[in-house]
């Protein structure tokens, strides 16, 4: 059996350079193979010709990861589903939000995005019959929306010890877009270095800082480039660690739309294409909320109603 090539084995990469590469996020042959020479130069200070040599060596020694359809079917069997707490909503999204990808819910304020996030944070903890949680949720909070009192309320309604539940929900407040991106990158350290079993990452909300920091059409290209990188970090950790990423998104009104609902998610195609499942939430009649499945790789479009109660997200009675 051939020994797997390490970063240190690449030509022009010594122990010190390997350490710089790992600190810069280039901790695998794949990460180096898909990097640009400029990124490696910025991270390590190596010359242009050395950077190109390192990238080519990584590409030549890389198993590109081609898999057959039956192998991917077997991998799909490992997908976890996180219940929303509402049977109709679970059916709409194929049994719950799936691990291995990004689920996006967008809607106006008061549509239930954050209420759903609180419910998912509890439901993702793999709680056994004795009420013991065996996994963690991570909440990246950009709008100061996390409320431990709400988690306590949901846990008590389900008969769980709220303190045990709260201990397994890790919350970090993100103060700007760079901080938000860094928090997303650090989640993998919680898994690999701290040994935490994480089933769910919540980003509430995805676009708040990007929207505030990049103002005017002149900054749109820079914003989208940065946002694209952020979404790819989230997508990679979801796929590699088999966890679910749930992001909430803000909306805008489309003034050029004369018929139908003029509400659209912000972030453009970059958010749309990187989100595996997209759900539009809005207020319904008599304190209900409506969830509309807008996009999914394998599910038909549909709608369902749900309610937000003291116990959490529930079916309409």
C-alpha atoms as a PDB file:
ATOM      1  CA  UNK A   1       0.000   0.000   0.000  1.00  0.00           C
ATOM      2  CA  UNK A   2       1.450   3.376  -1.011  1.00  0.00           C
ATOM      3  CA  UNK A   3       1.928   5.958   1.700  1.00  0.00           C
ATOM      4  CA  UNK A   4      -0.392   8.932   1.386  1.00  0.00           C
ATOM      5  CA  UNK A   5       1.496  12.081   0.432  1.00  0.00           C
ATOM      6  CA  UNK A   6       1.622  14.760   3.150  1.00  0.00           C
ATOM      7  CA  UNK A   7       1.929  18.528   2.710  1.00  0.00           C
ATOM      8  CA  UNK A   8       5.548  18.335   3.982  1.00  0.00           C
ATOM      9  CA  UNK A   9       6.390  15.942   1.103  1.00  0.00           C
ATOM     10  CA  UNK A  10       5.630  18.550  -1.572  1.00  0.00           C
ATOM     11  CA  UNK A  11       8.705  20.081  -3.282  1.00  0.00           C
ATOM     12  CA  UNK A  12       9.698  23.417  -1.749  1.00  0.00           C
ATOM     13  CA  UNK A  13       7.612  22.872   1.406  1.00  0.00           C
ATOM     14  CA  UNK A  14       9.546  22.484   4.648  1.00  0.00           C
ATOM     15  CA  UNK A  15       8.205  22.190   8.185  1.00  0.00           C
ATOM     16  CA  UNK A  16       7.901  25.978   8.656  1.00  0.00           C
ATOM     17  CA  UNK A  17       6.136  26.499   5.296  1.00  0.00           C
ATOM     18  CA  UNK A  18       3.802  23.554   5.983  1.00  0.00           C
ATOM     19  CA  UNK A  19       2.853  25.162   9.294  1.00  0.00           C
ATOM     20  CA  UNK A  20       2.091  28.477   7.553  1.00  0.00           C
ATOM     21  CA  UNK A  21      -0.026  26.662   4.950  1.00  0.00           C
ATOM     22  CA  UNK A  22      -2.037  24.847   7.636  1.00  0.00           C
ATOM     23  CA  UNK A  23      -2.547  28.060   9.624  1.00  0.00           C
ATOM     24  CA  UNK A  24      -3.808  29.696   6.419  1.00  0.00           C
ATOM     25  CA  UNK A  25      -6.405  26.963   5.902  1.00  0.00           C
ATOM     26  CA  UNK A  26      -4.436  24.952   3.315  1.00  0.00           C
ATOM     27  CA  UNK A  27      -4.377  21.797   5.428  1.00  0.00           C
ATOM     28  CA  UNK A  28      -4.866  19.189   2.695  1.00  0.00           C
ATOM     29  CA  UNK A  29      -3.607  18.379  -0.803  1.00  0.00           C
ATOM     30  CA  UNK A  30      -7.050  19.261  -2.186  1.00  0.00           C
ATOM     31  CA  UNK A  31      -6.956  22.731  -0.580  1.00  0.00           C
ATOM     32  CA  UNK A  32      -3.521  23.393  -2.124  1.00  0.00           C
ATOM     33  CA  UNK A  33      -4.449  21.889  -5.517  1.00  0.00           C
ATOM     34  CA  UNK A  34      -7.421  24.249  -5.944  1.00  0.00           C
ATOM     35  CA  UNK A  35      -5.587  27.328  -4.611  1.00  0.00           C
ATOM     36  CA  UNK A  36      -4.152  30.093  -6.790  1.00  0.00           C
ATOM     37  CA  UNK A  37      -0.412  30.938  -6.691  1.00  0.00           C
ATOM     38  CA  UNK A  38      -1.338  34.360  -5.273  1.00  0.00           C
ATOM     39  CA  UNK A  39      -3.104  32.794  -2.285  1.00  0.00           C
ATOM     40  CA  UNK A  40      -0.077  30.638  -1.419  1.00  0.00           C
ATOM     41  CA  UNK A  41       2.293  33.603  -1.844  1.00  0.00           C
ATOM     42  CA  UNK A  42       0.141  35.720   0.483  1.00  0.00           C
ATOM     43  CA  UNK A  43      -0.028  32.935   3.100  1.00  0.00           C
ATOM     44  CA  UNK A  44       3.614  31.793   3.104  1.00  0.00           C
ATOM     45  CA  UNK A  45       5.699  34.467   1.387  1.00  0.00           C
ATOM     46  CA  UNK A  46       7.119  31.916  -1.119  1.00  0.00           C
ATOM     47  CA  UNK A  47       8.035  32.975  -4.647  1.00  0.00           C
ATOM     48  CA  UNK A  48       5.727  32.713  -7.640  1.00  0.00           C
ATOM     49  CA  UNK A  49       7.620  29.836  -9.311  1.00  0.00           C
ATOM     50  CA  UNK A  50       7.736  27.849  -6.037  1.00  0.00           C
ATOM     51  CA  UNK A  51       4.000  28.403  -5.484  1.00  0.00           C
ATOM     52  CA  UNK A  52       3.219  27.076  -8.983  1.00  0.00           C
ATOM     53  CA  UNK A  53       5.490  24.069  -8.428  1.00  0.00           C
ATOM     54  CA  UNK A  54       3.751  23.269  -5.105  1.00  0.00           C
ATOM     55  CA  UNK A  55       0.272  23.519  -6.683  1.00  0.00           C
ATOM     56  CA  UNK A  56       1.254  21.317  -9.655  1.00  0.00           C
ATOM     57  CA  UNK A  57       2.792  18.701  -7.346  1.00  0.00           C
ATOM     58  CA  UNK A  58      -0.386  18.653  -5.227  1.00  0.00           C
ATOM     59  CA  UNK A  59      -2.536  18.219  -8.355  1.00  0.00           C
ATOM     60  CA  UNK A  60      -0.363  15.411  -9.737  1.00  0.00           C
ATOM     61  CA  UNK A  61      -0.517  13.449  -6.470  1.00  0.00           C
ATOM     62  CA  UNK A  62      -4.177  14.016  -5.724  1.00  0.00           C
ATOM     63  CA  UNK A  63      -6.915  11.453  -5.762  1.00  0.00           C
ATOM     64  CA  UNK A  64      -9.589  13.575  -7.434  1.00  0.00           C
ATOM     65  CA  UNK A  65     -12.374  11.833  -5.564  1.00  0.00           C
ATOM     66  CA  UNK A  66     -14.452  10.462  -8.432  1.00  0.00           C
ATOM     67  CA  UNK A  67     -17.181   8.209  -7.011  1.00  0.00           C
ATOM     68  CA  UNK A  68     -19.739   5.983  -8.709  1.00  0.00           C
ATOM     69  CA  UNK A  69     -23.469   6.574  -8.378  1.00  0.00           C
ATOM     70  CA  UNK A  70     -23.971   3.521  -6.118  1.00  0.00           C
ATOM     71  CA  UNK A  71     -21.238   4.788  -3.757  1.00  0.00           C
ATOM     72  CA  UNK A  72     -22.999   8.148  -3.536  1.00  0.00           C
ATOM     73  CA  UNK A  73     -26.296   6.362  -2.871  1.00  0.00           C
ATOM     74  CA  UNK A  74     -24.632   4.551   0.039  1.00  0.00           C
ATOM     75  CA  UNK A  75     -23.253   7.904   1.261  1.00  0.00           C
ATOM     76  CA  UNK A  76     -26.778   9.378   1.108  1.00  0.00           C
ATOM     77  CA  UNK A  77     -27.837   6.720   3.624  1.00  0.00           C
ATOM     78  CA  UNK A  78     -25.638   8.513   6.196  1.00  0.00           C
ATOM     79  CA  UNK A  79     -27.575  11.790   5.777  1.00  0.00           C
ATOM     80  CA  UNK A  80     -29.191  13.013   9.012  1.00  0.00           C
ATOM     81  CA  UNK A  81     -32.538  14.810   9.054  1.00  0.00           C
ATOM     82  CA  UNK A  82     -33.322  17.533  11.569  1.00  0.00           C
ATOM     83  CA  UNK A  83     -37.019  17.902  12.330  1.00  0.00           C
ATOM     84  CA  UNK A  84     -38.665  21.321  12.306  1.00  0.00           C
ATOM     85  CA  UNK A  85     -41.134  20.177  14.984  1.00  0.00           C
ATOM     86  CA  UNK A  86     -44.028  20.417  12.512  1.00  0.00           C
ATOM     87  CA  UNK A  87     -45.046  17.274  10.558  1.00  0.00           C
ATOM     88  CA  UNK A  88     -46.332  19.238   7.557  1.00  0.00           C
ATOM     89  CA  UNK A  89     -43.096  21.263   7.369  1.00  0.00           C
ATOM     90  CA  UNK A  90     -40.981  18.075   7.692  1.00  0.00           C
ATOM     91  CA  UNK A  91     -42.901  16.497   4.793  1.00  0.00           C
ATOM     92  CA  UNK A  92     -42.373  19.620   2.684  1.00  0.00           C
ATOM     93  CA  UNK A  93     -38.559  19.387   3.044  1.00  0.00           C
ATOM     94  CA  UNK A  94     -38.319  15.601   2.702  1.00  0.00           C
ATOM     95  CA  UNK A  95     -38.435  14.542   6.351  1.00  0.00           C
ATOM     96  CA  UNK A  96     -36.511  17.448   7.870  1.00  0.00           C
ATOM     97  CA  UNK A  97     -33.540  19.632   6.956  1.00  0.00           C
ATOM     98  CA  UNK A  98     -30.713  17.450   5.612  1.00  0.00           C
ATOM     99  CA  UNK A  99     -27.103  17.287   6.715  1.00  0.00           C
ATOM    100  CA  UNK A 100     -24.426  17.705   4.059  1.00  0.00           C
ATOM    101  CA  UNK A 101     -25.726  21.004   2.678  1.00  0.00           C
ATOM    102  CA  UNK A 102     -27.049  24.519   3.293  1.00  0.00           C
ATOM    103  CA  UNK A 103     -30.731  25.191   4.005  1.00  0.00           C
ATOM    104  CA  UNK A 104     -31.834  28.814   3.596  1.00  0.00           C
ATOM    105  CA  UNK A 105     -35.029  30.343   4.956  1.00  0.00           C
ATOM    106  CA  UNK A 106     -35.828  33.882   3.872  1.00  0.00           C
ATOM    107  CA  UNK A 107     -38.735  36.170   4.634  1.00  0.00           C
ATOM    108  CA  UNK A 108     -39.768  39.510   6.112  1.00  0.00           C
ATOM    109  CA  UNK A 109     -39.328  40.215   9.829  1.00  0.00           C
ATOM    110  CA  UNK A 110     -41.809  38.253  11.935  1.00  0.00           C
ATOM    111  CA  UNK A 111     -42.111  35.433   9.395  1.00  0.00           C
ATOM    112  CA  UNK A 112     -40.611  32.826  11.748  1.00  0.00           C
ATOM    113  CA  UNK A 113     -36.986  32.465  10.569  1.00  0.00           C
ATOM    114  CA  UNK A 114     -35.402  32.869  14.011  1.00  0.00           C
ATOM    115  CA  UNK A 115     -38.200  30.964  15.772  1.00  0.00           C
ATOM    116  CA  UNK A 116     -37.445  28.026  13.476  1.00  0.00           C
ATOM    117  CA  UNK A 117     -33.712  28.410  14.227  1.00  0.00           C
ATOM    118  CA  UNK A 118     -34.374  28.038  17.987  1.00  0.00           C
ATOM    119  CA  UNK A 119     -36.437  24.895  17.353  1.00  0.00           C
ATOM    120  CA  UNK A 120     -33.800  23.351  15.062  1.00  0.00           C
ATOM    121  CA  UNK A 121     -31.054  24.150  17.594  1.00  0.00           C
ATOM    122  CA  UNK A 122     -32.828  21.895  20.113  1.00  0.00           C
ATOM    123  CA  UNK A 123     -33.932  19.200  17.650  1.00  0.00           C
ATOM    124  CA  UNK A 124     -30.378  18.747  16.315  1.00  0.00           C
ATOM    125  CA  UNK A 125     -28.945  17.638  19.671  1.00  0.00           C
ATOM    126  CA  UNK A 126     -29.646  13.863  19.344  1.00  0.00           C
ATOM    127  CA  UNK A 127     -31.513  13.788  22.669  1.00  0.00           C
ATOM    128  CA  UNK A 128     -32.127  10.269  24.001  1.00  0.00           C
ATOM    129  CA  UNK A 129     -35.131   8.944  25.963  1.00  0.00           C
ATOM    130  CA  UNK A 130     -33.539  10.048  29.256  1.00  0.00           C
ATOM    131  CA  UNK A 131     -33.283  13.627  27.946  1.00  0.00           C
ATOM    132  CA  UNK A 132     -29.483  13.489  27.490  1.00  0.00           C
ATOM    133  CA  UNK A 133     -28.162  15.399  24.438  1.00  0.00           C
ATOM    134  CA  UNK A 134     -25.394  13.626  22.470  1.00  0.00           C
ATOM    135  CA  UNK A 135     -24.574  16.318  19.878  1.00  0.00           C
ATOM    136  CA  UNK A 136     -24.131  20.089  19.654  1.00  0.00           C
ATOM    137  CA  UNK A 137     -25.544  23.020  17.696  1.00  0.00           C
ATOM    138  CA  UNK A 138     -23.497  26.123  16.833  1.00  0.00           C
ATOM    139  CA  UNK A 139     -25.217  29.517  16.475  1.00  0.00           C
ATOM    140  CA  UNK A 140     -23.348  32.321  14.660  1.00  0.00           C
ATOM    141  CA  UNK A 141     -25.326  35.369  15.759  1.00  0.00           C
ATOM    142  CA  UNK A 142     -25.007  38.511  13.620  1.00  0.00           C
ATOM    143  CA  UNK A 143     -28.157  40.313  14.775  1.00  0.00           C
ATOM    144  CA  UNK A 144     -28.286  39.492  18.514  1.00  0.00           C
ATOM    145  CA  UNK A 145     -31.284  37.199  17.995  1.00  0.00           C
ATOM    146  CA  UNK A 146     -30.369  34.162  20.118  1.00  0.00           C
ATOM    147  CA  UNK A 147     -32.509  33.936  23.259  1.00  0.00           C
ATOM    148  CA  UNK A 148     -31.623  31.302  25.893  1.00  0.00           C
ATOM    149  CA  UNK A 149     -35.053  31.901  27.467  1.00  0.00           C
ATOM    150  CA  UNK A 150     -36.685  30.617  24.265  1.00  0.00           C
ATOM    151  CA  UNK A 151     -34.520  27.468  24.295  1.00  0.00           C
ATOM    152  CA  UNK A 152     -35.492  26.972  27.961  1.00  0.00           C
ATOM    153  CA  UNK A 153     -39.168  27.298  27.023  1.00  0.00           C
ATOM    154  CA  UNK A 154     -38.910  24.736  24.169  1.00  0.00           C
ATOM    155  CA  UNK A 155     -36.866  22.302  26.312  1.00  0.00           C
ATOM    156  CA  UNK A 156     -39.275  22.461  29.272  1.00  0.00           C
ATOM    157  CA  UNK A 157     -42.282  21.914  26.979  1.00  0.00           C
ATOM    158  CA  UNK A 158     -40.595  18.731  25.682  1.00  0.00           C
ATOM    159  CA  UNK A 159     -39.769  17.546  29.225  1.00  0.00           C
ATOM    160  CA  UNK A 160     -35.989  18.144  28.985  1.00  0.00           C
ATOM    161  CA  UNK A 161     -33.622  19.734  31.503  1.00  0.00           C
ATOM    162  CA  UNK A 162     -33.095  23.225  29.970  1.00  0.00           C
ATOM    163  CA  UNK A 163     -29.591  23.618  31.436  1.00  0.00           C
ATOM    164  CA  UNK A 164     -28.404  20.371  29.801  1.00  0.00           C
ATOM    165  CA  UNK A 165     -29.873  21.530  26.482  1.00  0.00           C
ATOM    166  CA  UNK A 166     -28.348  25.016  26.703  1.00  0.00           C
ATOM    167  CA  UNK A 167     -24.895  23.598  27.503  1.00  0.00           C
ATOM    168  CA  UNK A 168     -24.880  21.847  24.114  1.00  0.00           C
ATOM    169  CA  UNK A 169     -25.704  24.980  22.104  1.00  0.00           C
ATOM    170  CA  UNK A 170     -22.563  27.015  21.390  1.00  0.00           C
ATOM    171  CA  UNK A 171     -23.270  30.666  20.538  1.00  0.00           C
ATOM    172  CA  UNK A 172     -20.828  33.201  19.099  1.00  0.00           C
ATOM    173  CA  UNK A 173     -21.679  36.839  18.359  1.00  0.00           C
ATOM    174  CA  UNK A 174     -20.284  38.035  15.009  1.00  0.00           C
ATOM    175  CA  UNK A 175     -19.611  41.791  14.913  1.00  0.00           C
ATOM    176  CA  UNK A 176     -18.768  42.218  11.218  1.00  0.00           C
ATOM    177  CA  UNK A 177     -18.555  40.165   8.023  1.00  0.00           C
ATOM    178  CA  UNK A 178     -14.880  39.208   8.541  1.00  0.00           C
ATOM    179  CA  UNK A 179     -15.640  38.040  12.081  1.00  0.00           C
ATOM    180  CA  UNK A 180     -18.639  36.073  10.787  1.00  0.00           C
ATOM    181  CA  UNK A 181     -16.472  34.312   8.175  1.00  0.00           C
ATOM    182  CA  UNK A 182     -13.797  33.541  10.755  1.00  0.00           C
ATOM    183  CA  UNK A 183     -16.404  32.028  13.118  1.00  0.00           C
ATOM    184  CA  UNK A 184     -17.578  29.719  10.308  1.00  0.00           C
ATOM    185  CA  UNK A 185     -13.988  28.598   9.666  1.00  0.00           C
ATOM    186  CA  UNK A 186     -13.409  27.871  13.385  1.00  0.00           C
ATOM    187  CA  UNK A 187     -16.339  25.435  13.596  1.00  0.00           C
ATOM    188  CA  UNK A 188     -14.154  22.707  12.079  1.00  0.00           C
ATOM    189  CA  UNK A 189     -11.674  23.208  14.943  1.00  0.00           C
ATOM    190  CA  UNK A 190     -14.487  22.514  17.432  1.00  0.00           C
ATOM    191  CA  UNK A 191     -14.996  19.165  15.682  1.00  0.00           C
ATOM    192  CA  UNK A 192     -11.408  18.117  14.929  1.00  0.00           C
ATOM    193  CA  UNK A 193      -9.544  19.631  17.910  1.00  0.00           C
ATOM    194  CA  UNK A 194     -12.177  19.806  20.671  1.00  0.00           C
ATOM    195  CA  UNK A 195     -13.911  16.571  19.617  1.00  0.00           C
ATOM    196  CA  UNK A 196     -17.452  18.018  19.609  1.00  0.00           C
ATOM    197  CA  UNK A 197     -20.167  16.178  17.672  1.00  0.00           C
ATOM    198  CA  UNK A 198     -21.876  19.012  15.780  1.00  0.00           C
ATOM    199  CA  UNK A 199     -25.074  18.378  13.816  1.00  0.00           C
ATOM    200  CA  UNK A 200     -26.113  21.954  13.019  1.00  0.00           C
ATOM    201  CA  UNK A 201     -24.618  25.378  12.290  1.00  0.00           C
ATOM    202  CA  UNK A 202     -27.050  28.311  12.351  1.00  0.00           C
ATOM    203  CA  UNK A 203     -26.140  31.658  10.762  1.00  0.00           C
ATOM    204  CA  UNK A 204     -28.745  34.246  11.771  1.00  0.00           C
ATOM    205  CA  UNK A 205     -28.677  36.260   9.676  1.00  0.00           C
ATOM    206  CA  UNK A 206     -26.426  35.551   6.719  1.00  0.00           C
ATOM    207  CA  UNK A 207     -26.536  38.961   5.000  1.00  0.00           C
ATOM    208  CA  UNK A 208     -26.931  41.512   7.824  1.00  0.00           C
ATOM    209  CA  UNK A 209     -23.240  42.532   8.013  1.00  0.00           C
ATOM    210  CA  UNK A 210     -22.605  42.241   4.264  1.00  0.00           C
ATOM    211  CA  UNK A 211     -25.610  44.474   3.617  1.00  0.00           C
ATOM    212  CA  UNK A 212     -24.437  47.080   6.143  1.00  0.00           C
ATOM    213  CA  UNK A 213     -20.767  47.162   5.110  1.00  0.00           C
ATOM    214  CA  UNK A 214     -21.080  47.156   1.308  1.00  0.00           C
ATOM    215  CA  UNK A 215     -23.235  50.129   0.323  1.00  0.00           C
ATOM    216  CA  UNK A 216     -23.946  51.202  -3.250  1.00  0.00           C
ATOM    217  CA  UNK A 217     -23.575  49.489  -6.617  1.00  0.00           C
ATOM    218  CA  UNK A 218     -19.837  50.203  -6.765  1.00  0.00           C
ATOM    219  CA  UNK A 219     -19.154  47.734  -3.926  1.00  0.00           C
ATOM    220  CA  UNK A 220     -21.435  44.969  -5.216  1.00  0.00           C
ATOM    221  CA  UNK A 221     -18.698  42.910  -6.930  1.00  0.00           C
ATOM    222  CA  UNK A 222     -16.492  42.946  -3.805  1.00  0.00           C
ATOM    223  CA  UNK A 223     -19.438  41.987  -1.607  1.00  0.00           C
ATOM    224  CA  UNK A 224     -20.464  39.071  -3.816  1.00  0.00           C
ATOM    225  CA  UNK A 225     -16.891  37.775  -4.023  1.00  0.00           C
ATOM    226  CA  UNK A 226     -16.563  37.817  -0.239  1.00  0.00           C
ATOM    227  CA  UNK A 227     -20.013  36.299   0.223  1.00  0.00           C
ATOM    228  CA  UNK A 228     -19.162  33.532  -2.247  1.00  0.00           C
ATOM    229  CA  UNK A 229     -16.104  32.593  -0.175  1.00  0.00           C
ATOM    230  CA  UNK A 230     -18.222  32.538   3.002  1.00  0.00           C
ATOM    231  CA  UNK A 231     -20.851  30.286   1.407  1.00  0.00           C
ATOM    232  CA  UNK A 232     -18.173  27.901   0.127  1.00  0.00           C
ATOM    233  CA  UNK A 233     -16.656  27.607   3.622  1.00  0.00           C
ATOM    234  CA  UNK A 234     -20.098  26.733   5.010  1.00  0.00           C
ATOM    235  CA  UNK A 235     -20.775  24.302   2.146  1.00  0.00           C
ATOM    236  CA  UNK A 236     -17.436  22.549   2.642  1.00  0.00           C
ATOM    237  CA  UNK A 237     -17.878  22.050   6.401  1.00  0.00           C
ATOM    238  CA  UNK A 238     -21.456  20.794   5.820  1.00  0.00           C
ATOM    239  CA  UNK A 239     -20.266  18.211   3.298  1.00  0.00           C
ATOM    240  CA  UNK A 240     -17.028  17.079   4.973  1.00  0.00           C
ATOM    241  CA  UNK A 241     -18.477  16.886   8.506  1.00  0.00           C
ATOM    242  CA  UNK A 242     -21.959  15.677   7.439  1.00  0.00           C
ATOM    243  CA  UNK A 243     -23.800  18.438   9.299  1.00  0.00           C
ATOM    244  CA  UNK A 244     -26.617  20.803   8.376  1.00  0.00           C
ATOM    245  CA  UNK A 245     -26.078  24.534   7.876  1.00  0.00           C
ATOM    246  CA  UNK A 246     -29.237  26.608   8.406  1.00  0.00           C
ATOM    247  CA  UNK A 247     -29.007  30.236   7.302  1.00  0.00           C
ATOM    248  CA  UNK A 248     -31.655  32.932   7.612  1.00  0.00           C
ATOM    249  CA  UNK A 249     -31.810  35.651   5.003  1.00  0.00           C
ATOM    250  CA  UNK A 250     -33.374  39.073   4.681  1.00  0.00           C
ATOM    251  CA  UNK A 251     -35.597  40.158   1.807  1.00  0.00           C
ATOM    252  CA  UNK A 252     -36.204  43.111  -0.493  1.00  0.00           C
ATOM    253  CA  UNK A 253     -39.148  44.198  -2.627  1.00  0.00           C
ATOM    254  CA  UNK A 254     -38.753  43.993  -6.416  1.00  0.00           C
ATOM    255  CA  UNK A 255     -40.360  47.180  -7.787  1.00  0.00           C
ATOM    256  CA  UNK A 256     -40.400  45.829 -11.364  1.00  0.00           C
ATOM    257  CA  UNK A 257     -42.751  42.955 -10.451  1.00  0.00           C
ATOM    258  CA  UNK A 258     -46.392  43.782 -11.188  1.00  0.00           C
ATOM    259  CA  UNK A 259     -48.016  40.400 -10.470  1.00  0.00           C
ATOM    260  CA  UNK A 260     -47.526  37.970  -7.588  1.00  0.00           C
ATOM    261  CA  UNK A 261     -45.395  38.427  -4.480  1.00  0.00           C
ATOM    262  CA  UNK A 262     -42.667  41.056  -5.082  1.00  0.00           C
ATOM    263  CA  UNK A 263     -40.547  39.745  -2.163  1.00  0.00           C
ATOM    264  CA  UNK A 264     -37.110  38.372  -3.088  1.00  0.00           C
ATOM    265  CA  UNK A 265     -34.147  37.146  -1.028  1.00  0.00           C
ATOM    266  CA  UNK A 266     -31.061  39.358  -0.990  1.00  0.00           C
ATOM    267  CA  UNK A 267     -27.596  38.088  -1.855  1.00  0.00           C
ATOM    268  CA  UNK A 268     -28.380  37.308  -5.483  1.00  0.00           C
ATOM    269  CA  UNK A 269     -27.484  34.109  -7.312  1.00  0.00           C
ATOM    270  CA  UNK A 270     -24.473  33.391  -5.099  1.00  0.00           C
ATOM    271  CA  UNK A 271     -26.712  32.626  -2.111  1.00  0.00           C
ATOM    272  CA  UNK A 272     -29.299  30.908  -4.324  1.00  0.00           C
ATOM    273  CA  UNK A 273     -26.864  28.564  -6.046  1.00  0.00           C
ATOM    274  CA  UNK A 274     -25.004  27.646  -2.852  1.00  0.00           C
ATOM    275  CA  UNK A 275     -28.172  26.851  -0.885  1.00  0.00           C
ATOM    276  CA  UNK A 276     -29.314  23.278  -1.357  1.00  0.00           C
ATOM    277  CA  UNK A 277     -32.809  23.873   0.043  1.00  0.00           C
ATOM    278  CA  UNK A 278     -34.521  27.284  -0.104  1.00  0.00           C
ATOM    279  CA  UNK A 279     -37.708  28.054   1.809  1.00  0.00           C
ATOM    280  CA  UNK A 280     -39.685  31.296   1.702  1.00  0.00           C
ATOM    281  CA  UNK A 281     -41.528  32.101   4.944  1.00  0.00           C
ATOM    282  CA  UNK A 282     -44.412  34.556   5.276  1.00  0.00           C
ATOM    283  CA  UNK A 283     -47.289  35.338   7.625  1.00  0.00           C
ATOM    284  CA  UNK A 284     -50.543  33.470   7.023  1.00  0.00           C
ATOM    285  CA  UNK A 285     -54.065  33.836   8.390  1.00  0.00           C
ATOM    286  CA  UNK A 286     -54.919  33.743  12.116  1.00  0.00           C
ATOM    287  CA  UNK A 287     -51.359  33.692  13.549  1.00  0.00           C
ATOM    288  CA  UNK A 288     -50.143  30.984  11.175  1.00  0.00           C
ATOM    289  CA  UNK A 289     -47.008  31.068   9.047  1.00  0.00           C
ATOM    290  CA  UNK A 290     -46.657  29.725   5.502  1.00  0.00           C
ATOM    291  CA  UNK A 291     -43.523  27.908   4.318  1.00  0.00           C
ATOM    292  CA  UNK A 292     -43.032  27.661   0.555  1.00  0.00           C
ATOM    293  CA  UNK A 293     -40.345  25.342  -0.841  1.00  0.00           C
ATOM    294  CA  UNK A 294     -38.723  27.433  -3.572  1.00  0.00           C
ATOM    295  CA  UNK A 295     -35.783  25.241  -4.534  1.00  0.00           C
ATOM    296  CA  UNK A 296     -34.551  21.712  -3.824  1.00  0.00           C
ATOM    297  CA  UNK A 297     -32.389  19.307  -5.857  1.00  0.00           C
ATOM    298  CA  UNK A 298     -34.857  16.417  -5.499  1.00  0.00           C
ATOM    299  CA  UNK A 299     -38.160  17.664  -4.035  1.00  0.00           C
ATOM    300  CA  UNK A 300     -41.167  19.239  -5.805  1.00  0.00           C
ATOM    301  CA  UNK A 301     -42.272  22.782  -4.982  1.00  0.00           C
ATOM    302  CA  UNK A 302     -44.952  22.982  -2.325  1.00  0.00           C
ATOM    303  CA  UNK A 303     -46.402  24.907   0.602  1.00  0.00           C
ATOM    304  CA  UNK A 304     -47.440  24.170   4.170  1.00  0.00           C
ATOM    305  CA  UNK A 305     -48.726  26.055   7.198  1.00  0.00           C
ATOM    306  CA  UNK A 306     -47.231  25.977  10.697  1.00  0.00           C
ATOM    307  CA  UNK A 307     -47.620  27.839  13.974  1.00  0.00           C
ATOM    308  CA  UNK A 308     -45.206  29.316  16.498  1.00  0.00           C
ATOM    309  CA  UNK A 309     -46.320  28.433  20.034  1.00  0.00           C
ATOM    310  CA  UNK A 310     -44.840  28.349  23.548  1.00  0.00           C
ATOM    311  CA  UNK A 311     -43.765  24.754  22.865  1.00  0.00           C
ATOM    312  CA  UNK A 312     -41.973  25.754  19.651  1.00  0.00           C
ATOM    313  CA  UNK A 313     -42.872  25.098  16.010  1.00  0.00           C
ATOM    314  CA  UNK A 314     -46.089  23.055  15.764  1.00  0.00           C
ATOM    315  CA  UNK A 315     -48.686  21.910  13.204  1.00  0.00           C
ATOM    316  CA  UNK A 316     -51.739  24.085  12.639  1.00  0.00           C
ATOM    317  CA  UNK A 317     -54.537  22.726  14.830  1.00  0.00           C
END
